[in-house]
Amino acid sequence: LSMIEIGPDGRKYYLAAIRGLSEESHRNTLTGLQNTVFRALSTDMPVANIAGFMCRELETYLPDMIATLLVLDDRRQLRILSGAGVPGRYAKALEGITLSAQDSAVLARDPAQATEVVWARYRSLGIALGLHDCRAMAIVSPAGHVTGILALFSRRSDQQAADWPGRTVSDCAAFCGVLIGQYAARRRIARQADYDPL
């Protein structure tokens, strides 16, 4: 935004440039985020902090969205790894979700069905808490196992012409898989470090 005064009467004129979201800017933003996540994973920074940073960056990139990364624990229950912006009651509902073997098989075949898991079941609660829509993607390991879900919840009721939230969760799924894999590996190492065979 810039301002200039013109003429003897000092009239002020404002010029604003609005930058749209293009394919190239979308790709560049997500590539930059991916590179930052990978650099952070190479340090000793806790994975939950890295996931928190990633979610905040996604919320900055898509301003009316709330991002959350859920991991699947050993009991097949979803746990929030990051998602400080998710309303408390909705977060509690998400953490109560247990995936059946059938749910996991469906998500492994069609990761976009994650929206059904985290939104369709709790849509009325989400709307009551100010959420209007959701785009989610299951995170599937190279071995074909569901390890988590990345979800973006909208705080706006109007639909955008381009489905940037849907494309964003789809484009972020691969590096979220690396993030969740690192989280699982660090937890496994910590458990083994605490294990005393005697």
Protein backbone atom coordinates (compact mmCIF):
# COMPACT_ATOMS: atom_id res chain seq x y z
CA LEU A 1 0.00 0.00 0.00
CA SER A 2 1.39 3.35 -0.95
CA MET A 3 0.08 6.91 -0.74
CA ILE A 4 0.86 9.99 -2.78
CA GLU A 5 -0.32 13.58 -2.51
CA ILE A 6 -1.06 15.23 -5.86
CA GLY A 7 -2.04 18.74 -6.80
CA PRO A 8 -2.10 22.06 -4.99
CA ASP A 9 -4.95 20.96 -2.72
CA GLY A 10 -2.90 17.97 -1.48
CA ARG A 11 -5.42 15.28 -2.38
CA LYS A 12 -4.24 11.87 -1.23
CA TYR A 13 -4.35 8.89 -3.54
CA TYR A 14 -3.70 5.34 -2.42
CA LEU A 15 -2.37 2.48 -4.50
CA ALA A 16 -2.68 -1.08 -3.31
CA ALA A 17 -1.33 -4.19 -4.98
CA ILE A 18 -3.13 -7.41 -4.23
CA ARG A 19 -1.22 -10.57 -4.88
CA GLY A 20 -3.32 -13.51 -5.96
CA LEU A 21 -2.64 -17.13 -5.30
CA SER A 22 -1.22 -18.75 -8.40
CA GLU A 23 0.04 -22.23 -9.15
CA GLU A 24 3.61 -21.00 -8.99
CA SER A 25 3.22 -19.16 -5.67
CA HIS A 26 1.40 -22.20 -4.21
CA ARG A 27 4.19 -24.53 -5.29
CA ASN A 28 6.92 -22.15 -4.07
CA THR A 29 5.28 -21.66 -0.68
CA LEU A 30 4.82 -25.37 -0.04
CA THR A 31 8.32 -26.21 -1.31
CA GLY A 32 9.75 -23.62 1.08
CA LEU A 33 7.70 -25.04 3.95
CA GLN A 34 8.79 -28.58 3.10
CA ASN A 35 12.45 -27.55 3.03
CA THR A 36 12.10 -25.79 6.39
CA VAL A 37 10.46 -28.88 7.91
CA PHE A 38 13.22 -31.14 6.57
CA ARG A 39 15.94 -28.82 7.91
CA ALA A 40 14.25 -28.75 11.32
CA LEU A 41 13.98 -32.56 11.36
CA SER A 42 17.74 -32.77 10.95
CA THR A 43 18.16 -30.98 14.30
CA ASP A 44 17.23 -32.11 17.78
CA MET A 45 14.12 -29.91 17.81
CA PRO A 46 11.11 -31.86 19.16
CA VAL A 47 8.87 -33.12 16.35
CA ALA A 48 5.78 -31.65 18.04
CA ASN A 49 7.40 -28.19 17.79
CA ILE A 50 8.16 -28.74 14.11
CA ALA A 51 4.56 -29.85 13.50
CA GLY A 52 3.34 -26.77 15.39
CA PHE A 53 5.47 -24.53 13.19
CA MET A 54 4.15 -26.26 10.07
CA CYS A 55 0.52 -25.79 11.16
CA ARG A 56 1.10 -22.10 11.96
CA GLU A 57 2.69 -21.59 8.54
CA LEU A 58 -0.27 -23.26 6.83
CA GLU A 59 -2.63 -20.99 8.79
CA THR A 60 -0.62 -17.96 7.65
CA TYR A 61 -0.70 -19.17 4.06
CA LEU A 62 -4.48 -19.83 4.18
CA PRO A 63 -5.65 -17.19 6.71
CA ASP A 64 -9.17 -18.41 7.47
CA MET A 65 -8.09 -21.99 8.11
CA ILE A 66 -7.13 -23.93 11.23
CA ALA A 67 -4.52 -26.63 10.64
CA THR A 68 -4.04 -29.78 12.66
CA LEU A 69 -1.81 -32.81 12.30
CA LEU A 70 -3.09 -36.00 13.91
CA VAL A 71 -1.06 -39.16 14.48
CA LEU A 72 -2.37 -42.68 14.87
CA ASP A 73 -1.18 -44.27 18.10
CA ASP A 74 -0.56 -47.95 18.90
CA ARG A 75 -4.21 -48.42 19.93
CA ARG A 76 -5.36 -47.05 16.52
CA GLN A 77 -6.61 -43.83 18.15
CA LEU A 78 -6.01 -40.41 16.66
CA ARG A 79 -3.91 -38.03 18.75
CA ILE A 80 -3.28 -34.37 18.01
CA LEU A 81 0.42 -33.81 17.37
CA SER A 82 -0.21 -30.17 16.52
CA GLY A 83 -3.25 -27.96 16.20
CA ALA A 84 -3.39 -25.25 18.83
CA GLY A 85 -6.16 -23.42 16.94
CA VAL A 86 -8.65 -26.30 17.02
CA PRO A 87 -11.46 -25.54 19.51
CA GLY A 88 -11.09 -27.61 22.69
CA ARG A 89 -14.35 -29.54 22.38
CA TYR A 90 -13.61 -30.42 18.77
CA ALA A 91 -10.05 -31.45 19.65
CA LYS A 92 -11.44 -33.77 22.32
CA ALA A 93 -13.82 -35.31 19.77
CA LEU A 94 -10.95 -35.84 17.31
CA GLU A 95 -8.83 -37.54 19.95
CA GLY A 96 -11.71 -39.91 20.67
CA ILE A 97 -11.66 -41.33 17.14
CA THR A 98 -10.46 -44.92 16.84
CA LEU A 99 -9.89 -46.21 13.33
CA SER A 100 -11.13 -49.70 12.61
CA ALA A 101 -9.27 -52.00 10.24
CA GLN A 102 -11.91 -51.17 7.63
CA ASP A 103 -11.42 -47.40 8.16
CA SER A 104 -7.67 -47.82 7.73
CA ALA A 105 -8.12 -49.88 4.56
CA VAL A 106 -10.43 -47.24 3.05
CA LEU A 107 -8.02 -44.42 3.94
CA ALA A 108 -5.04 -46.32 2.56
CA ARG A 109 -6.88 -46.72 -0.78
CA ASP A 110 -8.33 -43.20 -0.84
CA PRO A 111 -6.54 -40.77 1.54
CA ALA A 112 -9.05 -37.98 0.76
CA GLN A 113 -11.68 -39.99 2.67
CA ALA A 114 -10.02 -38.61 5.82
CA THR A 115 -12.47 -35.70 5.56
CA GLU A 116 -15.26 -38.19 6.33
CA VAL A 117 -13.39 -39.34 9.43
CA VAL A 118 -12.56 -35.94 10.96
CA TRP A 119 -15.46 -33.82 9.66
CA ALA A 120 -18.55 -35.72 8.58
CA ARG A 121 -18.91 -37.48 11.93
CA TYR A 122 -18.65 -34.22 13.91
CA ARG A 123 -19.92 -31.62 11.44
CA SER A 124 -22.71 -30.28 13.68
CA LEU A 125 -20.29 -29.81 16.59
CA GLY A 126 -17.81 -28.09 14.27
CA ILE A 127 -20.46 -25.68 12.97
CA ALA A 128 -21.56 -24.89 16.52
CA LEU A 129 -17.92 -24.01 17.31
CA GLY A 130 -17.50 -21.72 14.29
CA LEU A 131 -15.99 -24.18 11.83
CA HIS A 132 -17.70 -24.37 8.44
CA ASP A 133 -15.84 -26.89 6.32
CA CYS A 134 -12.86 -29.21 6.32
CA ARG A 135 -10.35 -30.66 3.89
CA ALA A 136 -8.31 -33.58 5.18
CA MET A 137 -5.87 -36.12 3.82
CA ALA A 138 -4.71 -39.37 5.39
CA ILE A 139 -0.97 -39.77 5.72
CA VAL A 140 -0.02 -43.18 4.33
CA SER A 141 3.41 -44.73 4.88
CA PRO A 142 5.37 -46.27 1.97
CA ALA A 143 4.32 -49.67 3.36
CA GLY A 144 0.66 -48.69 2.89
CA HIS A 145 -0.22 -48.09 6.57
CA VAL A 146 -2.20 -45.05 7.70
CA THR A 147 -0.04 -43.12 10.17
CA GLY A 148 -2.01 -39.89 10.60
CA ILE A 149 -4.25 -37.22 9.12
CA LEU A 150 -3.59 -33.62 8.10
CA ALA A 151 -6.74 -31.48 8.31
CA LEU A 152 -7.59 -27.87 7.50
CA PHE A 153 -10.80 -26.52 9.04
CA SER A 154 -12.38 -23.39 7.56
CA ARG A 155 -13.65 -20.52 9.70
CA ARG A 156 -15.47 -19.03 6.69
CA SER A 157 -18.84 -20.17 5.44
CA ASP A 158 -18.37 -19.14 1.81
CA GLN A 159 -16.77 -21.56 -0.60
CA GLN A 160 -13.78 -20.44 -2.60
CA ALA A 161 -13.74 -21.02 -6.35
CA ALA A 162 -10.36 -22.77 -6.20
CA ASP A 163 -9.98 -25.55 -3.64
CA TRP A 164 -6.65 -24.34 -2.24
CA PRO A 165 -7.21 -26.04 1.14
CA GLY A 166 -7.85 -29.39 -0.56
CA ARG A 167 -4.83 -29.01 -2.79
CA THR A 168 -2.70 -27.91 0.16
CA VAL A 169 -3.45 -30.98 2.32
CA SER A 170 -2.83 -33.19 -0.71
CA ASP A 171 0.49 -31.48 -1.49
CA CYS A 172 1.64 -31.58 2.16
CA ALA A 173 0.83 -35.27 2.73
CA ALA A 174 4.26 -36.55 1.65
CA PHE A 175 6.34 -34.38 3.95
CA CYS A 176 3.83 -34.87 6.79
CA GLY A 177 4.52 -38.58 6.32
CA VAL A 178 8.23 -37.95 6.86
CA LEU A 179 7.41 -35.83 9.92
CA ILE A 180 5.20 -38.55 11.44
CA GLY A 181 7.79 -41.23 10.58
CA GLN A 182 10.43 -39.21 12.43
CA TYR A 183 8.05 -38.78 15.39
CA ALA A 184 7.48 -42.56 15.58
CA ALA A 185 11.21 -43.31 15.25
CA ARG A 186 12.16 -40.87 18.02
CA ARG A 187 9.50 -42.33 20.32
CA ARG A 188 10.75 -45.86 19.62
CA ILE A 189 14.34 -44.81 20.40
CA ALA A 190 13.25 -43.10 23.63
CA ARG A 191 11.37 -46.23 24.75
CA GLN A 192 14.38 -48.43 23.99
CA ALA A 193 16.66 -46.04 25.89
CA ASP A 194 14.42 -46.45 28.96
CA TYR A 195 14.27 -50.24 28.64
CA ASP A 196 16.45 -52.20 31.03
CA PRO A 197 16.70 -55.89 30.06
CA LEU A 198 17.78 -56.78 33.60
